[in-house]
Amino acid sequence: MKIYGNRNNIYDAVVQHGVAAIEGSKTSAVEYANRIIKCLSVYAEIAPSIGYKNVTNQGYLYYVYDTNRFGDCHTTLATIIRKIDERNF
């Protein structure tokens, strides 16, 4: 998986993997994440939310994730975000 910019189509990433990391500052990342969440509202089985995590290589990452898929498994989600950070360094 990769870190997506605001010109990328990340809907499929959230649908397929349950999470998609977004590059950029807080303002641009959150604005794009909110647009993605609005677009994902057509999927009844997906409950998208915005997350934030401090990471080693990027410094921080904002991401959209499916709360139905990850629920309270913050350790699984944290591992995925860490791997995304490592692969995109």
N, C-alpha and C. Protein backbone atom coordinates (compact mmCIF):
# COMPACT_ATOMS: atom_id res chain seq x y z
N MET A 1 0.85 -1.18 0.00
CA MET A 1 0.00 0.00 0.00
C MET A 1 0.89 1.23 0.00
N LYS A 2 0.31 2.33 -0.45
CA LYS A 2 1.08 3.55 -0.56
C LYS A 2 0.38 4.69 0.17
N ILE A 3 1.04 5.82 0.20
CA ILE A 3 0.44 7.03 0.75
C ILE A 3 -0.14 7.80 -0.43
N TYR A 4 -1.41 8.13 -0.35
CA TYR A 4 -2.11 8.75 -1.46
C TYR A 4 -2.15 10.26 -1.34
N GLY A 5 -2.02 10.92 -2.48
CA GLY A 5 -2.17 12.36 -2.56
C GLY A 5 -3.62 12.70 -2.86
N ASN A 6 -3.94 13.99 -2.80
CA ASN A 6 -5.33 14.39 -2.99
C ASN A 6 -5.79 14.31 -4.44
N ARG A 7 -4.92 13.91 -5.34
CA ARG A 7 -5.32 13.69 -6.74
C ARG A 7 -5.53 12.20 -7.04
N ASN A 8 -5.26 11.36 -6.06
CA ASN A 8 -5.41 9.92 -6.24
C ASN A 8 -6.82 9.47 -5.87
N ASN A 9 -7.25 8.38 -6.48
CA ASN A 9 -8.52 7.77 -6.15
C ASN A 9 -8.26 6.72 -5.06
N ILE A 10 -8.66 7.04 -3.84
CA ILE A 10 -8.39 6.11 -2.74
C ILE A 10 -9.62 5.32 -2.31
N TYR A 11 -10.74 5.50 -3.00
CA TYR A 11 -11.95 4.79 -2.62
C TYR A 11 -11.71 3.28 -2.64
N ASP A 12 -11.08 2.80 -3.72
CA ASP A 12 -10.84 1.37 -3.84
C ASP A 12 -9.93 0.85 -2.73
N ALA A 13 -8.96 1.66 -2.32
CA ALA A 13 -8.06 1.24 -1.24
C ALA A 13 -8.82 1.05 0.06
N VAL A 14 -9.73 1.95 0.36
CA VAL A 14 -10.51 1.83 1.60
C VAL A 14 -11.46 0.64 1.50
N VAL A 15 -12.08 0.46 0.33
CA VAL A 15 -13.00 -0.66 0.15
C VAL A 15 -12.24 -1.98 0.22
N GLN A 16 -11.10 -2.07 -0.45
CA GLN A 16 -10.35 -3.33 -0.51
C GLN A 16 -9.58 -3.63 0.76
N HIS A 17 -8.82 -2.66 1.27
CA HIS A 17 -7.93 -2.89 2.41
C HIS A 17 -8.49 -2.40 3.74
N GLY A 18 -9.48 -1.53 3.68
CA GLY A 18 -10.05 -1.00 4.91
C GLY A 18 -9.35 0.24 5.42
N VAL A 19 -8.28 0.66 4.73
CA VAL A 19 -7.53 1.83 5.17
C VAL A 19 -6.76 2.41 3.99
N ALA A 20 -6.62 3.75 4.00
CA ALA A 20 -5.80 4.43 3.01
C ALA A 20 -5.16 5.64 3.66
N ALA A 21 -3.83 5.71 3.61
CA ALA A 21 -3.09 6.83 4.19
C ALA A 21 -3.09 8.00 3.21
N ILE A 22 -3.11 9.21 3.75
CA ILE A 22 -3.19 10.42 2.93
C ILE A 22 -2.01 11.32 3.25
N GLU A 23 -1.33 11.79 2.20
CA GLU A 23 -0.21 12.69 2.40
C GLU A 23 -0.71 14.11 2.60
N GLY A 24 0.15 14.94 3.18
CA GLY A 24 -0.17 16.35 3.31
C GLY A 24 -0.28 16.83 4.73
N SER A 25 -0.46 18.12 4.84
CA SER A 25 -0.61 18.75 6.14
C SER A 25 -1.99 18.42 6.71
N LYS A 26 -2.21 18.81 7.95
CA LYS A 26 -3.49 18.52 8.59
C LYS A 26 -4.64 19.09 7.78
N THR A 27 -4.52 20.32 7.35
CA THR A 27 -5.61 20.97 6.64
C THR A 27 -5.96 20.24 5.35
N SER A 28 -4.96 19.98 4.52
CA SER A 28 -5.25 19.34 3.24
C SER A 28 -5.65 17.87 3.41
N ALA A 29 -5.01 17.15 4.31
CA ALA A 29 -5.33 15.73 4.52
C ALA A 29 -6.74 15.55 5.08
N VAL A 30 -7.10 16.35 6.05
CA VAL A 30 -8.43 16.22 6.66
C VAL A 30 -9.51 16.65 5.68
N GLU A 31 -9.25 17.70 4.91
CA GLU A 31 -10.22 18.12 3.90
C GLU A 31 -10.45 17.01 2.87
N TYR A 32 -9.37 16.39 2.41
CA TYR A 32 -9.51 15.30 1.44
C TYR A 32 -10.18 14.08 2.09
N ALA A 33 -9.82 13.76 3.31
CA ALA A 33 -10.42 12.63 4.02
C ALA A 33 -11.93 12.83 4.16
N ASN A 34 -12.35 14.03 4.46
CA ASN A 34 -13.79 14.31 4.58
C ASN A 34 -14.51 14.12 3.24
N ARG A 35 -13.86 14.49 2.15
CA ARG A 35 -14.45 14.26 0.82
C ARG A 35 -14.57 12.76 0.55
N ILE A 36 -13.54 12.00 0.93
CA ILE A 36 -13.55 10.56 0.73
C ILE A 36 -14.68 9.92 1.55
N ILE A 37 -14.80 10.35 2.79
CA ILE A 37 -15.86 9.82 3.66
C ILE A 37 -17.23 10.08 3.06
N LYS A 38 -17.42 11.26 2.52
CA LYS A 38 -18.70 11.60 1.89
C LYS A 38 -18.96 10.68 0.69
N CYS A 39 -17.94 10.43 -0.11
CA CYS A 39 -18.10 9.54 -1.27
C CYS A 39 -18.34 8.09 -0.87
N LEU A 40 -17.76 7.67 0.24
CA LEU A 40 -17.93 6.30 0.70
C LEU A 40 -19.28 6.06 1.35
N SER A 41 -20.07 7.10 1.52
CA SER A 41 -21.38 6.95 2.18
C SER A 41 -22.34 6.08 1.37
N VAL A 42 -22.05 5.83 0.10
CA VAL A 42 -22.91 4.95 -0.71
C VAL A 42 -22.72 3.48 -0.36
N TYR A 43 -21.65 3.15 0.36
CA TYR A 43 -21.38 1.77 0.77
C TYR A 43 -21.95 1.55 2.18
N ALA A 44 -23.06 0.84 2.26
CA ALA A 44 -23.71 0.62 3.55
C ALA A 44 -22.84 -0.18 4.51
N GLU A 45 -21.97 -1.04 3.98
CA GLU A 45 -21.15 -1.91 4.82
C GLU A 45 -19.86 -1.24 5.31
N ILE A 46 -19.59 -0.02 4.86
CA ILE A 46 -18.37 0.68 5.27
C ILE A 46 -18.74 1.86 6.16
N ALA A 47 -18.08 1.96 7.30
CA ALA A 47 -18.26 3.07 8.23
C ALA A 47 -16.92 3.81 8.32
N PRO A 48 -16.66 4.73 7.39
CA PRO A 48 -15.35 5.39 7.34
C PRO A 48 -15.16 6.42 8.44
N SER A 49 -13.91 6.56 8.84
CA SER A 49 -13.54 7.54 9.85
C SER A 49 -12.13 8.02 9.55
N ILE A 50 -11.75 9.16 10.12
CA ILE A 50 -10.41 9.71 9.94
C ILE A 50 -9.56 9.34 11.14
N GLY A 51 -8.33 8.94 10.84
CA GLY A 51 -7.37 8.63 11.90
C GLY A 51 -6.09 9.41 11.71
N TYR A 52 -5.29 9.47 12.75
CA TYR A 52 -4.01 10.18 12.75
C TYR A 52 -3.03 9.36 13.56
N LYS A 53 -1.80 9.24 13.07
CA LYS A 53 -0.79 8.51 13.83
C LYS A 53 0.57 9.14 13.59
N ASN A 54 1.32 9.33 14.66
CA ASN A 54 2.72 9.72 14.54
C ASN A 54 3.50 8.49 14.10
N VAL A 55 4.32 8.66 13.06
CA VAL A 55 5.10 7.56 12.51
C VAL A 55 6.56 7.98 12.38
N THR A 56 7.41 6.99 12.22
CA THR A 56 8.86 7.22 12.22
C THR A 56 9.34 8.00 11.00
N ASN A 57 9.01 7.55 9.82
CA ASN A 57 9.60 8.13 8.61
C ASN A 57 8.91 9.38 8.10
N GLN A 58 7.60 9.39 8.06
CA GLN A 58 6.85 10.54 7.55
C GLN A 58 6.64 11.61 8.62
N GLY A 59 6.79 11.24 9.87
CA GLY A 59 6.51 12.16 10.98
C GLY A 59 5.09 11.95 11.50
N TYR A 60 4.14 11.94 10.58
CA TYR A 60 2.73 11.69 10.93
C TYR A 60 2.00 11.27 9.66
N LEU A 61 0.89 10.61 9.83
CA LEU A 61 0.03 10.24 8.71
C LEU A 61 -1.43 10.38 9.13
N TYR A 62 -2.20 10.98 8.26
CA TYR A 62 -3.65 10.96 8.38
C TYR A 62 -4.13 9.83 7.48
N TYR A 63 -5.23 9.21 7.85
CA TYR A 63 -5.74 8.11 7.06
C TYR A 63 -7.25 7.98 7.23
N VAL A 64 -7.87 7.36 6.24
CA VAL A 64 -9.29 7.02 6.31
C VAL A 64 -9.34 5.52 6.50
N TYR A 65 -10.14 5.07 7.45
CA TYR A 65 -10.25 3.64 7.71
C TYR A 65 -11.70 3.25 7.97
N ASP A 66 -11.97 1.98 7.77
CA ASP A 66 -13.31 1.43 7.96
C ASP A 66 -13.43 0.91 9.39
N THR A 67 -14.26 1.58 10.18
CA THR A 67 -14.42 1.17 11.58
C THR A 67 -15.14 -0.16 11.69
N ASN A 68 -15.90 -0.53 10.68
CA ASN A 68 -16.54 -1.86 10.71
C ASN A 68 -15.50 -2.97 10.57
N ARG A 69 -14.47 -2.71 9.82
CA ARG A 69 -13.44 -3.73 9.60
C ARG A 69 -12.46 -3.79 10.77
N PHE A 70 -12.08 -2.65 11.30
CA PHE A 70 -11.07 -2.63 12.35
C PHE A 70 -11.65 -2.52 13.75
N GLY A 71 -12.80 -1.91 13.89
CA GLY A 71 -13.43 -1.81 15.20
C GLY A 71 -12.47 -1.32 16.27
N ASP A 72 -12.33 -2.10 17.31
CA ASP A 72 -11.44 -1.73 18.41
C ASP A 72 -10.05 -2.33 18.27
N CYS A 73 -9.72 -2.89 17.11
CA CYS A 73 -8.40 -3.50 16.88
C CYS A 73 -7.39 -2.42 16.51
N HIS A 74 -7.13 -1.53 17.44
CA HIS A 74 -6.20 -0.44 17.15
C HIS A 74 -4.78 -0.97 16.91
N THR A 75 -4.44 -2.11 17.47
CA THR A 75 -3.09 -2.65 17.26
C THR A 75 -2.91 -3.11 15.82
N THR A 76 -3.92 -3.73 15.24
CA THR A 76 -3.86 -4.16 13.84
C THR A 76 -3.76 -2.96 12.92
N LEU A 77 -4.59 -1.96 13.15
CA LEU A 77 -4.57 -0.74 12.34
C LEU A 77 -3.24 -0.02 12.49
N ALA A 78 -2.72 0.07 13.70
CA ALA A 78 -1.43 0.72 13.94
C ALA A 78 -0.31 0.00 13.20
N THR A 79 -0.36 -1.32 13.16
CA THR A 79 0.64 -2.10 12.44
C THR A 79 0.58 -1.80 10.95
N ILE A 80 -0.61 -1.72 10.39
CA ILE A 80 -0.77 -1.43 8.97
C ILE A 80 -0.23 -0.03 8.65
N ILE A 81 -0.54 0.95 9.47
CA ILE A 81 -0.07 2.32 9.24
C ILE A 81 1.45 2.36 9.35
N ARG A 82 2.02 1.66 10.30
CA ARG A 82 3.49 1.60 10.44
C ARG A 82 4.12 0.99 9.19
N LYS A 83 3.52 -0.07 8.66
CA LYS A 83 4.05 -0.71 7.45
C LYS A 83 3.93 0.22 6.24
N ILE A 84 2.85 0.96 6.14
CA ILE A 84 2.71 1.93 5.05
C ILE A 84 3.82 2.97 5.15
N ASP A 85 4.09 3.45 6.35
CA ASP A 85 5.16 4.42 6.56
C ASP A 85 6.51 3.85 6.15
N GLU A 86 6.78 2.61 6.53
CA GLU A 86 8.05 1.97 6.21
C GLU A 86 8.23 1.75 4.70
N ARG A 87 7.17 1.38 4.03
CA ARG A 87 7.24 1.11 2.58
C ARG A 87 7.36 2.37 1.74
N ASN A 88 7.00 3.49 2.29
CA ASN A 88 6.99 4.74 1.53
C ASN A 88 8.08 5.70 1.97
N PHE A 89 9.16 5.15 2.46
CA PHE A 89 10.28 5.99 2.91
C PHE A 89 11.34 6.04 1.85
